[in-house]
């Protein structure tokens, strides 16, 4: 989490924004809600958190190694704790597709993606 510095407009200034450049939202952690000074991040028991979506992953096919280069990768599938990435075969290569009903938006796929 980090404060927003204007990407959401003036009304969203300093609002909490999820940043997956260094880590993802771990399914067994709810520390951000515990330390949020304004209560903007609601407190949830860990089991409730596991069932709450905070976003939805999206495969950028132009950047994805499997989709754009036709090379096996599927790192996103390997790291997804919610089993929300499935493989679809395209020209003999497994390519990732997000299962929206399973994805929680945790960012594990993004932070581990080599592309």
PDB file of N, CA and C in Angstrom:
ATOM      1  N   UNK A   1       0.845  -1.174   0.000  1.00  0.00           N
ATOM      2  CA  UNK A   1       0.000   0.000   0.000  1.00  0.00           C
ATOM      3  C   UNK A   1       0.890   1.236   0.000  1.00  0.00           C
ATOM      4  N   UNK A   2       0.400   2.233  -0.702  1.00  0.00           N
ATOM      5  CA  UNK A   2       1.090   3.516  -0.714  1.00  0.00           C
ATOM      6  C   UNK A   2       0.045   4.596  -0.943  1.00  0.00           C
ATOM      7  N   UNK A   3       0.349   5.830  -0.577  1.00  0.00           N
ATOM      8  CA  UNK A   3      -0.612   6.907  -0.816  1.00  0.00           C
ATOM      9  C   UNK A   3      -0.658   7.291  -2.288  1.00  0.00           C
ATOM     10  N   UNK A   4      -1.849   7.610  -2.762  1.00  0.00           N
ATOM     11  CA  UNK A   4      -2.027   8.066  -4.142  1.00  0.00           C
ATOM     12  C   UNK A   4      -1.619   9.534  -4.215  1.00  0.00           C
ATOM     13  N   UNK A   5      -0.816   9.858  -5.204  1.00  0.00           N
ATOM     14  CA  UNK A   5      -0.364  11.236  -5.370  1.00  0.00           C
ATOM     15  C   UNK A   5      -0.973  11.866  -6.609  1.00  0.00           C
ATOM     16  N   UNK A   6      -2.293  11.746  -6.735  1.00  0.00           N
ATOM     17  CA  UNK A   6      -3.002  12.466  -7.774  1.00  0.00           C
ATOM     18  C   UNK A   6      -3.496  11.669  -8.958  1.00  0.00           C
ATOM     19  N   UNK A   7      -3.216  10.367  -9.039  1.00  0.00           N
ATOM     20  CA  UNK A   7      -3.678   9.604 -10.200  1.00  0.00           C
ATOM     21  C   UNK A   7      -5.196   9.465 -10.221  1.00  0.00           C
ATOM     22  N   UNK A   8      -5.828   9.560  -9.072  1.00  0.00           N
ATOM     23  CA  UNK A   8      -7.288   9.451  -8.985  1.00  0.00           C
ATOM     24  C   UNK A   8      -7.954  10.821  -8.889  1.00  0.00           C
ATOM     25  N   UNK A   9      -7.200  11.875  -9.144  1.00  0.00           N
ATOM     26  CA  UNK A   9      -7.749  13.220  -9.037  1.00  0.00           C
ATOM     27  C   UNK A   9      -7.578  13.773  -7.640  1.00  0.00           C
ATOM     28  N   UNK A  10      -7.970  14.995  -7.452  1.00  0.00           N
ATOM     29  CA  UNK A  10      -7.795  15.685  -6.181  1.00  0.00           C
ATOM     30  C   UNK A  10      -8.541  15.005  -5.044  1.00  0.00           C
ATOM     31  N   UNK A  11      -9.735  14.490  -5.318  1.00  0.00           N
ATOM     32  CA  UNK A  11     -10.517  13.852  -4.255  1.00  0.00           C
ATOM     33  C   UNK A  11      -9.874  12.561  -3.758  1.00  0.00           C
ATOM     34  N   UNK A  12      -9.024  11.944  -4.576  1.00  0.00           N
ATOM     35  CA  UNK A  12      -8.363  10.711  -4.168  1.00  0.00           C
ATOM     36  C   UNK A  12      -6.956  10.909  -3.651  1.00  0.00           C
ATOM     37  N   UNK A  13      -6.545  12.158  -3.499  1.00  0.00           N
ATOM     38  CA  UNK A  13      -5.194  12.464  -3.051  1.00  0.00           C
ATOM     39  C   UNK A  13      -4.903  11.806  -1.708  1.00  0.00           C
ATOM     40  N   UNK A  14      -3.829  11.077  -1.642  1.00  0.00           N
ATOM     41  CA  UNK A  14      -3.335  10.361  -0.462  1.00  0.00           C
ATOM     42  C   UNK A  14      -4.193   9.156  -0.067  1.00  0.00           C
ATOM     43  N   UNK A  15      -5.169   8.795  -0.882  1.00  0.00           N
ATOM     44  CA  UNK A  15      -5.945   7.580  -0.607  1.00  0.00           C
ATOM     45  C   UNK A  15      -5.023   6.371  -0.758  1.00  0.00           C
ATOM     46  N   UNK A  16      -5.278   5.285  -0.021  1.00  0.00           N
ATOM     47  CA  UNK A  16      -4.413   4.109  -0.145  1.00  0.00           C
ATOM     48  C   UNK A  16      -4.579   3.435  -1.508  1.00  0.00           C
ATOM     49  N   UNK A  17      -3.448   3.102  -2.111  1.00  0.00           N
ATOM     50  CA  UNK A  17      -3.419   2.428  -3.406  1.00  0.00           C
ATOM     51  C   UNK A  17      -2.543   1.188  -3.264  1.00  0.00           C
ATOM     52  N   UNK A  18      -2.991   0.092  -3.810  1.00  0.00           N
ATOM     53  CA  UNK A  18      -2.201  -1.135  -3.762  1.00  0.00           C
ATOM     54  C   UNK A  18      -1.065  -1.026  -4.776  1.00  0.00           C
ATOM     55  N   UNK A  19       0.145  -1.337  -4.332  1.00  0.00           N
ATOM     56  CA  UNK A  19       1.336  -1.275  -5.179  1.00  0.00           C
ATOM     57  C   UNK A  19       1.989  -2.652  -5.185  1.00  0.00           C
ATOM     58  N   UNK A  20       1.959  -3.321  -6.337  1.00  0.00           N
ATOM     59  CA  UNK A  20       2.485  -4.684  -6.433  1.00  0.00           C
ATOM     60  C   UNK A  20       3.901  -4.733  -7.000  1.00  0.00           C
ATOM     61  N   UNK A  21       4.664  -3.662  -6.915  1.00  0.00           N
ATOM     62  CA  UNK A  21       6.009  -3.686  -7.474  1.00  0.00           C
ATOM     63  C   UNK A  21       6.984  -4.484  -6.612  1.00  0.00           C
ATOM     64  N   UNK A  22       6.711  -4.623  -5.326  1.00  0.00           N
ATOM     65  CA  UNK A  22       7.634  -5.337  -4.440  1.00  0.00           C
ATOM     66  C   UNK A  22       7.045  -6.598  -3.824  1.00  0.00           C
ATOM     67  N   UNK A  23       5.742  -6.622  -3.642  1.00  0.00           N
ATOM     68  CA  UNK A  23       5.113  -7.790  -3.010  1.00  0.00           C
ATOM     69  C   UNK A  23       3.629  -7.796  -3.346  1.00  0.00           C
ATOM     70  N   UNK A  24       3.001  -8.919  -3.072  1.00  0.00           N
ATOM     71  CA  UNK A  24       1.560  -9.019  -3.300  1.00  0.00           C
ATOM     72  C   UNK A  24       0.825  -9.030  -1.970  1.00  0.00           C
ATOM     73  N   UNK A  25      -0.480  -9.010  -2.028  1.00  0.00           N
ATOM     74  CA  UNK A  25      -1.316  -9.051  -0.832  1.00  0.00           C
ATOM     75  C   UNK A  25      -1.436 -10.514  -0.400  1.00  0.00           C
ATOM     76  N   UNK A  26      -0.733 -10.874   0.659  1.00  0.00           N
ATOM     77  CA  UNK A  26      -0.707 -12.261   1.119  1.00  0.00           C
ATOM     78  C   UNK A  26      -2.055 -12.669   1.700  1.00  0.00           C
ATOM     79  N   UNK A  27      -2.500 -13.853   1.343  1.00  0.00           N
ATOM     80  CA  UNK A  27      -3.814 -14.324   1.780  1.00  0.00           C
ATOM     81  C   UNK A  27      -3.884 -14.580   3.284  1.00  0.00           C
ATOM     82  N   UNK A  28      -2.769 -14.718   3.946  1.00  0.00           N
ATOM     83  CA  UNK A  28      -2.737 -14.987   5.382  1.00  0.00           C
ATOM     84  C   UNK A  28      -2.342 -13.744   6.198  1.00  0.00           C
ATOM     85  N   UNK A  29      -2.499 -12.565   5.632  1.00  0.00           N
ATOM     86  CA  UNK A  29      -2.092 -11.332   6.307  1.00  0.00           C
ATOM     87  C   UNK A  29      -3.206 -10.292   6.221  1.00  0.00           C
ATOM     88  N   UNK A  30      -3.458  -9.597   7.317  1.00  0.00           N
ATOM     89  CA  UNK A  30      -4.411  -8.481   7.311  1.00  0.00           C
ATOM     90  C   UNK A  30      -3.851  -7.287   8.098  1.00  0.00           C
ATOM     91  N   UNK A  31      -2.532  -7.153   8.086  1.00  0.00           N
ATOM     92  CA  UNK A  31      -1.868  -6.094   8.844  1.00  0.00           C
ATOM     93  C   UNK A  31      -2.219  -4.693   8.357  1.00  0.00           C
ATOM     94  N   UNK A  32      -2.436  -4.514   7.041  1.00  0.00           N
ATOM     95  CA  UNK A  32      -2.723  -3.161   6.548  1.00  0.00           C
ATOM     96  C   UNK A  32      -4.005  -2.619   7.181  1.00  0.00           C
ATOM     97  N   UNK A  33      -4.991  -3.478   7.356  1.00  0.00           N
ATOM     98  CA  UNK A  33      -6.235  -3.040   7.997  1.00  0.00           C
ATOM     99  C   UNK A  33      -6.001  -2.692   9.464  1.00  0.00           C
ATOM    100  N   UNK A  34      -5.123  -3.423  10.112  1.00  0.00           N
ATOM    101  CA  UNK A  34      -4.842  -3.172  11.530  1.00  0.00           C
ATOM    102  C   UNK A  34      -4.134  -1.839  11.758  1.00  0.00           C
ATOM    103  N   UNK A  35      -3.290  -1.430  10.812  1.00  0.00           N
ATOM    104  CA  UNK A  35      -2.500  -0.213  11.018  1.00  0.00           C
ATOM    105  C   UNK A  35      -3.040   1.000  10.270  1.00  0.00           C
ATOM    106  N   UNK A  36      -4.097   0.841   9.496  1.00  0.00           N
ATOM    107  CA  UNK A  36      -4.651   1.969   8.742  1.00  0.00           C
ATOM    108  C   UNK A  36      -5.129   3.045   9.717  1.00  0.00           C
ATOM    109  N   UNK A  37      -4.562   4.256   9.656  1.00  0.00           N
ATOM    110  CA  UNK A  37      -4.892   5.289  10.635  1.00  0.00           C
ATOM    111  C   UNK A  37      -6.295   5.871  10.489  1.00  0.00           C
ATOM    112  N   UNK A  38      -6.915   5.726   9.330  1.00  0.00           N
ATOM    113  CA  UNK A  38      -8.235   6.329   9.122  1.00  0.00           C
ATOM    114  C   UNK A  38      -9.376   5.325   9.130  1.00  0.00           C
ATOM    115  N   UNK A  39      -9.043   4.041   9.098  1.00  0.00           N
ATOM    116  CA  UNK A  39     -10.087   3.025   9.018  1.00  0.00           C
ATOM    117  C   UNK A  39     -10.611   2.831   7.605  1.00  0.00           C
ATOM    118  N   UNK A  40      -9.919   3.407   6.618  1.00  0.00           N
ATOM    119  CA  UNK A  40     -10.346   3.275   5.222  1.00  0.00           C
ATOM    120  C   UNK A  40     -10.260   1.836   4.737  1.00  0.00           C
ATOM    121  N   UNK A  41      -9.358   1.073   5.340  1.00  0.00           N
ATOM    122  CA  UNK A  41      -9.244  -0.345   5.012  1.00  0.00           C
ATOM    123  C   UNK A  41      -9.951  -1.109   6.120  1.00  0.00           C
ATOM    124  N   UNK A  42     -11.071  -1.693   5.786  1.00  0.00           N
ATOM    125  CA  UNK A  42     -11.878  -2.378   6.791  1.00  0.00           C
ATOM    126  C   UNK A  42     -11.191  -3.598   7.371  1.00  0.00           C
ATOM    127  N   UNK A  43     -11.425  -3.817   8.650  1.00  0.00           N
ATOM    128  CA  UNK A  43     -10.846  -4.984   9.317  1.00  0.00           C
ATOM    129  C   UNK A  43     -11.663  -6.220   8.987  1.00  0.00           C
ATOM    130  N   UNK A  44     -10.975  -7.240   8.530  1.00  0.00           N
ATOM    131  CA  UNK A  44     -11.608  -8.507   8.196  1.00  0.00           C
ATOM    132  C   UNK A  44     -10.831  -9.642   8.835  1.00  0.00           C
ATOM    133  N   UNK A  45     -11.550 -10.656   9.280  1.00  0.00           N
ATOM    134  CA  UNK A  45     -10.883 -11.875   9.715  1.00  0.00           C
ATOM    135  C   UNK A  45     -10.209 -12.477   8.487  1.00  0.00           C
ATOM    136  N   UNK A  46      -9.159 -13.250   8.693  1.00  0.00           N
ATOM    137  CA  UNK A  46      -8.414 -13.792   7.564  1.00  0.00           C
ATOM    138  C   UNK A  46      -9.288 -14.618   6.625  1.00  0.00           C
ATOM    139  N   UNK A  47     -10.188 -15.412   7.155  1.00  0.00           N
ATOM    140  CA  UNK A  47     -11.052 -16.225   6.290  1.00  0.00           C
ATOM    141  C   UNK A  47     -11.963 -15.335   5.447  1.00  0.00           C
ATOM    142  N   UNK A  48     -12.483 -14.276   6.031  1.00  0.00           N
ATOM    143  CA  UNK A  48     -13.328 -13.347   5.273  1.00  0.00           C
ATOM    144  C   UNK A  48     -12.502 -12.629   4.208  1.00  0.00           C
ATOM    145  N   UNK A  49     -11.266 -12.291   4.549  1.00  0.00           N
ATOM    146  CA  UNK A  49     -10.394 -11.616   3.588  1.00  0.00           C
ATOM    147  C   UNK A  49     -10.119 -12.504   2.387  1.00  0.00           C
ATOM    148  N   UNK A  50      -9.906 -13.785   2.614  1.00  0.00           N
ATOM    149  CA  UNK A  50      -9.632 -14.715   1.507  1.00  0.00           C
ATOM    150  C   UNK A  50     -10.781 -14.760   0.507  1.00  0.00           C
ATOM    151  N   UNK A  51     -11.970 -14.426   0.939  1.00  0.00           N
ATOM    152  CA  UNK A  51     -13.140 -14.470   0.063  1.00  0.00           C
ATOM    153  C   UNK A  51     -13.522 -13.100  -0.490  1.00  0.00           C
ATOM    154  N   UNK A  52     -12.761 -12.069  -0.169  1.00  0.00           N
ATOM    155  CA  UNK A  52     -13.065 -10.707  -0.604  1.00  0.00           C
ATOM    156  C   UNK A  52     -12.128 -10.309  -1.738  1.00  0.00           C
ATOM    157  N   UNK A  53     -12.684  -9.915  -2.842  1.00  0.00           N
ATOM    158  CA  UNK A  53     -11.867  -9.448  -3.967  1.00  0.00           C
ATOM    159  C   UNK A  53     -11.505  -7.980  -3.769  1.00  0.00           C
ATOM    160  N   UNK A  54     -10.241  -7.655  -4.021  1.00  0.00           N
ATOM    161  CA  UNK A  54      -9.796  -6.260  -3.956  1.00  0.00           C
ATOM    162  C   UNK A  54      -9.439  -5.747  -5.349  1.00  0.00           C
ATOM    163  N   UNK A  55      -9.610  -6.596  -6.323  1.00  0.00           N
ATOM    164  CA  UNK A  55      -9.302  -6.234  -7.701  1.00  0.00           C
ATOM    165  C   UNK A  55      -9.484  -7.445  -8.592  1.00  0.00           C
ATOM    166  N   UNK A  56      -9.065  -7.325  -9.821  1.00  0.00           N
ATOM    167  CA  UNK A  56      -9.158  -8.421 -10.783  1.00  0.00           C
ATOM    168  C   UNK A  56      -7.925  -8.374 -11.680  1.00  0.00           C
ATOM    169  N   UNK A  57      -7.208  -9.485 -11.722  1.00  0.00           N
ATOM    170  CA  UNK A  57      -6.022  -9.565 -12.580  1.00  0.00           C
ATOM    171  C   UNK A  57      -6.424  -9.492 -14.043  1.00  0.00           C
ATOM    172  N   UNK A  58      -5.491  -9.034 -14.846  1.00  0.00           N
ATOM    173  CA  UNK A  58      -5.706  -8.944 -16.285  1.00  0.00           C
ATOM    174  C   UNK A  58      -4.411  -9.353 -16.980  1.00  0.00           C
ATOM    175  N   UNK A  59      -4.502 -10.250 -17.942  1.00  0.00           N
ATOM    176  CA  UNK A  59      -3.331 -10.658 -18.712  1.00  0.00           C
ATOM    177  C   UNK A  59      -3.162  -9.691 -19.880  1.00  0.00           C
ATOM    178  N   UNK A  60      -2.030  -9.031 -19.924  1.00  0.00           N
ATOM    179  CA  UNK A  60      -1.717  -8.133 -21.039  1.00  0.00           C
ATOM    180  C   UNK A  60      -1.042  -8.979 -22.120  1.00  0.00           C
ATOM    181  N   UNK A  61      -1.824  -9.407 -23.082  1.00  0.00           N
ATOM    182  CA  UNK A  61      -1.343 -10.359 -24.082  1.00  0.00           C
ATOM    183  C   UNK A  61      -0.170  -9.833 -24.895  1.00  0.00           C
ATOM    184  N   UNK A  62      -0.066  -8.550 -25.072  1.00  0.00           N
ATOM    185  CA  UNK A  62       1.061  -7.988 -25.816  1.00  0.00           C
ATOM    186  C   UNK A  62       2.380  -8.072 -25.070  1.00  0.00           C
ATOM    187  N   UNK A  63       2.329  -8.207 -23.748  1.00  0.00           N
ATOM    188  CA  UNK A  63       3.533  -8.309 -22.926  1.00  0.00           C
ATOM    189  C   UNK A  63       3.789  -9.731 -22.437  1.00  0.00           C
ATOM    190  N   UNK A  64       2.748 -10.537 -22.356  1.00  0.00           N
ATOM    191  CA  UNK A  64       2.837 -11.899 -21.823  1.00  0.00           C
ATOM    192  C   UNK A  64       3.728 -12.760 -22.723  1.00  0.00           C
ATOM    193  N   UNK A  65       4.704 -13.426 -22.132  1.00  0.00           N
ATOM    194  CA  UNK A  65       5.655 -14.256 -22.874  1.00  0.00           C
ATOM    195  C   UNK A  65       4.939 -15.357 -23.651  1.00  0.00           C
ATOM    196  N   UNK A  66       3.969 -16.001 -23.029  1.00  0.00           N
ATOM    197  CA  UNK A  66       3.244 -17.085 -23.700  1.00  0.00           C
ATOM    198  C   UNK A  66       2.403 -16.553 -24.856  1.00  0.00           C
ATOM    199  N   UNK A  67       1.641 -15.502 -24.602  1.00  0.00           N
ATOM    200  CA  UNK A  67       0.763 -14.954 -25.634  1.00  0.00           C
ATOM    201  C   UNK A  67       1.543 -14.264 -26.752  1.00  0.00           C
ATOM    202  N   UNK A  68       2.525 -13.453 -26.418  1.00  0.00           N
ATOM    203  CA  UNK A  68       3.188 -12.647 -27.454  1.00  0.00           C
ATOM    204  C   UNK A  68       4.340 -13.367 -28.149  1.00  0.00           C
ATOM    205  N   UNK A  69       5.068 -14.203 -27.403  1.00  0.00           N
ATOM    206  CA  UNK A  69       6.248 -14.858 -27.975  1.00  0.00           C
ATOM    207  C   UNK A  69       6.038 -16.333 -28.284  1.00  0.00           C
ATOM    208  N   UNK A  70       4.922 -16.893 -27.819  1.00  0.00           N
ATOM    209  CA  UNK A  70       4.666 -18.309 -28.045  1.00  0.00           C
ATOM    210  C   UNK A  70       5.606 -19.219 -27.278  1.00  0.00           C
ATOM    211  N   UNK A  71       6.126 -18.729 -26.131  1.00  0.00           N
ATOM    212  CA  UNK A  71       7.031 -19.516 -25.298  1.00  0.00           C
ATOM    213  C   UNK A  71       6.338 -19.878 -23.990  1.00  0.00           C
ATOM    214  N   UNK A  72       6.647 -21.061 -23.474  1.00  0.00           N
ATOM    215  CA  UNK A  72       6.035 -21.484 -22.222  1.00  0.00           C
ATOM    216  C   UNK A  72       6.506 -20.589 -21.081  1.00  0.00           C
ATOM    217  N   UNK A  73       5.572 -20.211 -20.230  1.00  0.00           N
ATOM    218  CA  UNK A  73       5.905 -19.448 -19.029  1.00  0.00           C
ATOM    219  C   UNK A  73       5.000 -19.916 -17.887  1.00  0.00           C
ATOM    220  N   UNK A  74       3.798 -19.407 -17.802  1.00  0.00           N
ATOM    221  CA  UNK A  74       2.799 -19.769 -16.791  1.00  0.00           C
ATOM    222  C   UNK A  74       3.260 -19.542 -15.345  1.00  0.00           C
ATOM    223  N   UNK A  75       4.202 -18.623 -15.140  1.00  0.00           N
ATOM    224  CA  UNK A  75       4.643 -18.278 -13.785  1.00  0.00           C
ATOM    225  C   UNK A  75       3.460 -17.761 -12.969  1.00  0.00           C
ATOM    226  N   UNK A  76       2.593 -16.997 -13.597  1.00  0.00           N
ATOM    227  CA  UNK A  76       1.417 -16.463 -12.901  1.00  0.00           C
ATOM    228  C   UNK A  76       0.556 -17.593 -12.334  1.00  0.00           C
ATOM    229  N   UNK A  77       0.405 -18.653 -13.089  1.00  0.00           N
ATOM    230  CA  UNK A  77      -0.371 -19.820 -12.653  1.00  0.00           C
ATOM    231  C   UNK A  77       0.292 -20.482 -11.442  1.00  0.00           C
ATOM    232  N   UNK A  78       1.602 -20.603 -11.491  1.00  0.00           N
ATOM    233  CA  UNK A  78       2.351 -21.257 -10.418  1.00  0.00           C
ATOM    234  C   UNK A  78       2.254 -20.495  -9.099  1.00  0.00           C
ATOM    235  N   UNK A  79       2.188 -19.171  -9.152  1.00  0.00           N
ATOM    236  CA  UNK A  79       2.212 -18.365  -7.933  1.00  0.00           C
ATOM    237  C   UNK A  79       0.835 -17.958  -7.414  1.00  0.00           C
ATOM    238  N   UNK A  80      -0.222 -18.173  -8.178  1.00  0.00           N
ATOM    239  CA  UNK A  80      -1.552 -17.732  -7.744  1.00  0.00           C
ATOM    240  C   UNK A  80      -2.062 -18.582  -6.579  1.00  0.00           C
ATOM    241  N   UNK A  81      -2.257 -17.985  -5.399  1.00  0.00           N
ATOM    242  CA  UNK A  81      -2.736 -18.750  -4.248  1.00  0.00           C
ATOM    243  C   UNK A  81      -4.223 -19.099  -4.332  1.00  0.00           C
ATOM    244  N   UNK A  82      -4.935 -18.498  -5.262  1.00  0.00           N
ATOM    245  CA  UNK A  82      -6.376 -18.719  -5.384  1.00  0.00           C
ATOM    246  C   UNK A  82      -6.744 -19.592  -6.581  1.00  0.00           C
ATOM    247  N   UNK A  83      -5.738 -20.121  -7.282  1.00  0.00           N
ATOM    248  CA  UNK A  83      -5.965 -20.980  -8.457  1.00  0.00           C
ATOM    249  C   UNK A  83      -6.830 -20.274  -9.495  1.00  0.00           C
ATOM    250  N   UNK A  84      -6.586 -18.983  -9.661  1.00  0.00           N
ATOM    251  CA  UNK A  84      -7.416 -18.154 -10.534  1.00  0.00           C
ATOM    252  C   UNK A  84      -6.855 -18.000 -11.946  1.00  0.00           C
ATOM    253  N   UNK A  85      -5.744 -18.647 -12.226  1.00  0.00           N
ATOM    254  CA  UNK A  85      -5.160 -18.590 -13.568  1.00  0.00           C
ATOM    255  C   UNK A  85      -5.263 -19.978 -14.180  1.00  0.00           C
ATOM    256  N   UNK A  86      -5.911 -20.055 -15.336  1.00  0.00           N
ATOM    257  CA  UNK A  86      -5.983 -21.334 -16.032  1.00  0.00           C
ATOM    258  C   UNK A  86      -5.220 -21.233 -17.344  1.00  0.00           C
ATOM    259  N   UNK A  87      -4.854 -22.387 -17.870  1.00  0.00           N
ATOM    260  CA  UNK A  87      -4.112 -22.438 -19.123  1.00  0.00           C
ATOM    261  C   UNK A  87      -5.053 -22.769 -20.267  1.00  0.00           C
ATOM    262  N   UNK A  88      -4.899 -22.022 -21.343  1.00  0.00           N
ATOM    263  CA  UNK A  88      -5.583 -22.361 -22.591  1.00  0.00           C
ATOM    264  C   UNK A  88      -4.496 -22.598 -23.635  1.00  0.00           C
ATOM    265  N   UNK A  89      -4.667 -23.647 -24.396  1.00  0.00           N
ATOM    266  CA  UNK A  89      -3.659 -24.013 -25.387  1.00  0.00           C
ATOM    267  C   UNK A  89      -3.817 -23.165 -26.646  1.00  0.00           C
ATOM    268  N   UNK A  90      -2.703 -22.594 -27.080  1.00  0.00           N
ATOM    269  CA  UNK A  90      -2.693 -21.779 -28.304  1.00  0.00           C
ATOM    270  C   UNK A  90      -1.421 -22.109 -29.076  1.00  0.00           C
ATOM    271  N   UNK A  91      -1.579 -22.696 -30.232  1.00  0.00           N
ATOM    272  CA  UNK A  91      -0.432 -23.083 -31.070  1.00  0.00           C
ATOM    273  C   UNK A  91       0.568 -23.956 -30.316  1.00  0.00           C
ATOM    274  N   UNK A  92       0.054 -24.871 -29.496  1.00  0.00           N
ATOM    275  CA  UNK A  92       0.905 -25.797 -28.761  1.00  0.00           C
ATOM    276  C   UNK A  92       1.522 -25.244 -27.494  1.00  0.00           C
ATOM    277  N   UNK A  93       1.161 -24.026 -27.103  1.00  0.00           N
ATOM    278  CA  UNK A  93       1.720 -23.397 -25.898  1.00  0.00           C
ATOM    279  C   UNK A  93       0.581 -23.052 -24.948  1.00  0.00           C
ATOM    280  N   UNK A  94       0.765 -23.374 -23.664  1.00  0.00           N
ATOM    281  CA  UNK A  94      -0.223 -22.975 -22.660  1.00  0.00           C
ATOM    282  C   UNK A  94      -0.111 -21.476 -22.413  1.00  0.00           C
ATOM    283  N   UNK A  95      -1.249 -20.799 -22.480  1.00  0.00           N
ATOM    284  CA  UNK A  95      -1.307 -19.356 -22.257  1.00  0.00           C
ATOM    285  C   UNK A  95      -2.247 -19.067 -21.089  1.00  0.00           C
ATOM    286  N   UNK A  96      -1.913 -18.089 -20.239  1.00  0.00           N
ATOM    287  CA  UNK A  96      -2.726 -17.808 -19.057  1.00  0.00           C
ATOM    288  C   UNK A  96      -4.001 -17.024 -19.361  1.00  0.00           C
ATOM    289  N   UNK A  97      -5.058 -17.415 -18.663  1.00  0.00           N
ATOM    290  CA  UNK A  97      -6.337 -16.712 -18.704  1.00  0.00           C
ATOM    291  C   UNK A  97      -6.827 -16.614 -17.266  1.00  0.00           C
ATOM    292  N   UNK A  98      -7.321 -15.452 -16.876  1.00  0.00           N
ATOM    293  CA  UNK A  98      -7.811 -15.231 -15.514  1.00  0.00           C
ATOM    294  C   UNK A  98      -9.237 -15.752 -15.384  1.00  0.00           C
ATOM    295  N   UNK A  99      -9.490 -16.488 -14.291  1.00  0.00           N
ATOM    296  CA  UNK A  99     -10.849 -16.919 -13.953  1.00  0.00           C
ATOM    297  C   UNK A  99     -11.423 -15.866 -12.999  1.00  0.00           C
ATOM    298  N   UNK A 100     -12.275 -14.960 -13.495  1.00  0.00           N
ATOM    299  CA  UNK A 100     -12.757 -13.838 -12.681  1.00  0.00           C
ATOM    300  C   UNK A 100     -13.460 -14.257 -11.394  1.00  0.00           C
ATOM    301  N   UNK A 101     -14.128 -15.390 -11.401  1.00  0.00           N
ATOM    302  CA  UNK A 101     -14.838 -15.833 -10.201  1.00  0.00           C
ATOM    303  C   UNK A 101     -13.891 -16.324  -9.113  1.00  0.00           C
ATOM    304  N   UNK A 102     -12.641 -16.602  -9.453  1.00  0.00           N
ATOM    305  CA  UNK A 102     -11.664 -17.089  -8.482  1.00  0.00           C
ATOM    306  C   UNK A 102     -10.654 -16.013  -8.068  1.00  0.00           C
ATOM    307  N   UNK A 103     -10.428 -15.034  -8.934  1.00  0.00           N
ATOM    308  CA  UNK A 103      -9.405 -14.017  -8.692  1.00  0.00           C
ATOM    309  C   UNK A 103      -9.820 -13.079  -7.564  1.00  0.00           C
ATOM    310  N   UNK A 104      -8.866 -12.785  -6.681  1.00  0.00           N
ATOM    311  CA  UNK A 104      -9.095 -11.854  -5.584  1.00  0.00           C
ATOM    312  C   UNK A 104      -8.327 -10.554  -5.774  1.00  0.00           C
ATOM    313  N   UNK A 105      -7.531 -10.459  -6.835  1.00  0.00           N
ATOM    314  CA  UNK A 105      -6.776  -9.231  -7.093  1.00  0.00           C
ATOM    315  C   UNK A 105      -5.582  -9.050  -6.184  1.00  0.00           C
ATOM    316  N   UNK A 106      -5.020 -10.144  -5.698  1.00  0.00           N
ATOM    317  CA  UNK A 106      -3.933 -10.057  -4.719  1.00  0.00           C
ATOM    318  C   UNK A 106      -2.603  -9.613  -5.317  1.00  0.00           C
ATOM    319  N   UNK A 107      -2.423  -9.777  -6.629  1.00  0.00           N
ATOM    320  CA  UNK A 107      -1.199  -9.330  -7.279  1.00  0.00           C
ATOM    321  C   UNK A 107      -0.059 -10.330  -7.293  1.00  0.00           C
ATOM    322  N   UNK A 108      -0.269 -11.551  -6.789  1.00  0.00           N
ATOM    323  CA  UNK A 108       0.809 -12.549  -6.797  1.00  0.00           C
ATOM    324  C   UNK A 108       1.269 -12.837  -8.216  1.00  0.00           C
ATOM    325  N   UNK A 109       0.343 -12.844  -9.152  1.00  0.00           N
ATOM    326  CA  UNK A 109       0.700 -13.082 -10.554  1.00  0.00           C
ATOM    327  C   UNK A 109       1.557 -11.942 -11.086  1.00  0.00           C
ATOM    328  N   UNK A 110       1.191 -10.731 -10.769  1.00  0.00           N
ATOM    329  CA  UNK A 110       1.889  -9.550 -11.293  1.00  0.00           C
ATOM    330  C   UNK A 110       3.297  -9.418 -10.743  1.00  0.00           C
ATOM    331  N   UNK A 111       3.449  -9.564  -9.460  1.00  0.00           N
ATOM    332  CA  UNK A 111       4.760  -9.345  -8.845  1.00  0.00           C
ATOM    333  C   UNK A 111       5.755 -10.434  -9.247  1.00  0.00           C
ATOM    334  N   UNK A 112       5.280 -11.611  -9.632  1.00  0.00           N
ATOM    335  CA  UNK A 112       6.162 -12.702 -10.034  1.00  0.00           C
ATOM    336  C   UNK A 112       6.341 -12.827 -11.538  1.00  0.00           C
ATOM    337  N   UNK A 113       5.593 -12.078 -12.308  1.00  0.00           N
ATOM    338  CA  UNK A 113       5.646 -12.151 -13.770  1.00  0.00           C
ATOM    339  C   UNK A 113       7.013 -11.691 -14.280  1.00  0.00           C
ATOM    340  N   UNK A 114       7.675 -12.505 -15.110  1.00  0.00           N
ATOM    341  CA  UNK A 114       8.984 -12.103 -15.627  1.00  0.00           C
ATOM    342  C   UNK A 114       8.919 -11.104 -16.788  1.00  0.00           C
ATOM    343  N   UNK A 115       7.744 -10.848 -17.308  1.00  0.00           N
ATOM    344  CA  UNK A 115       7.642  -9.960 -18.489  1.00  0.00           C
ATOM    345  C   UNK A 115       7.668  -8.491 -18.117  1.00  0.00           C
TER     346      UNK A 115
END
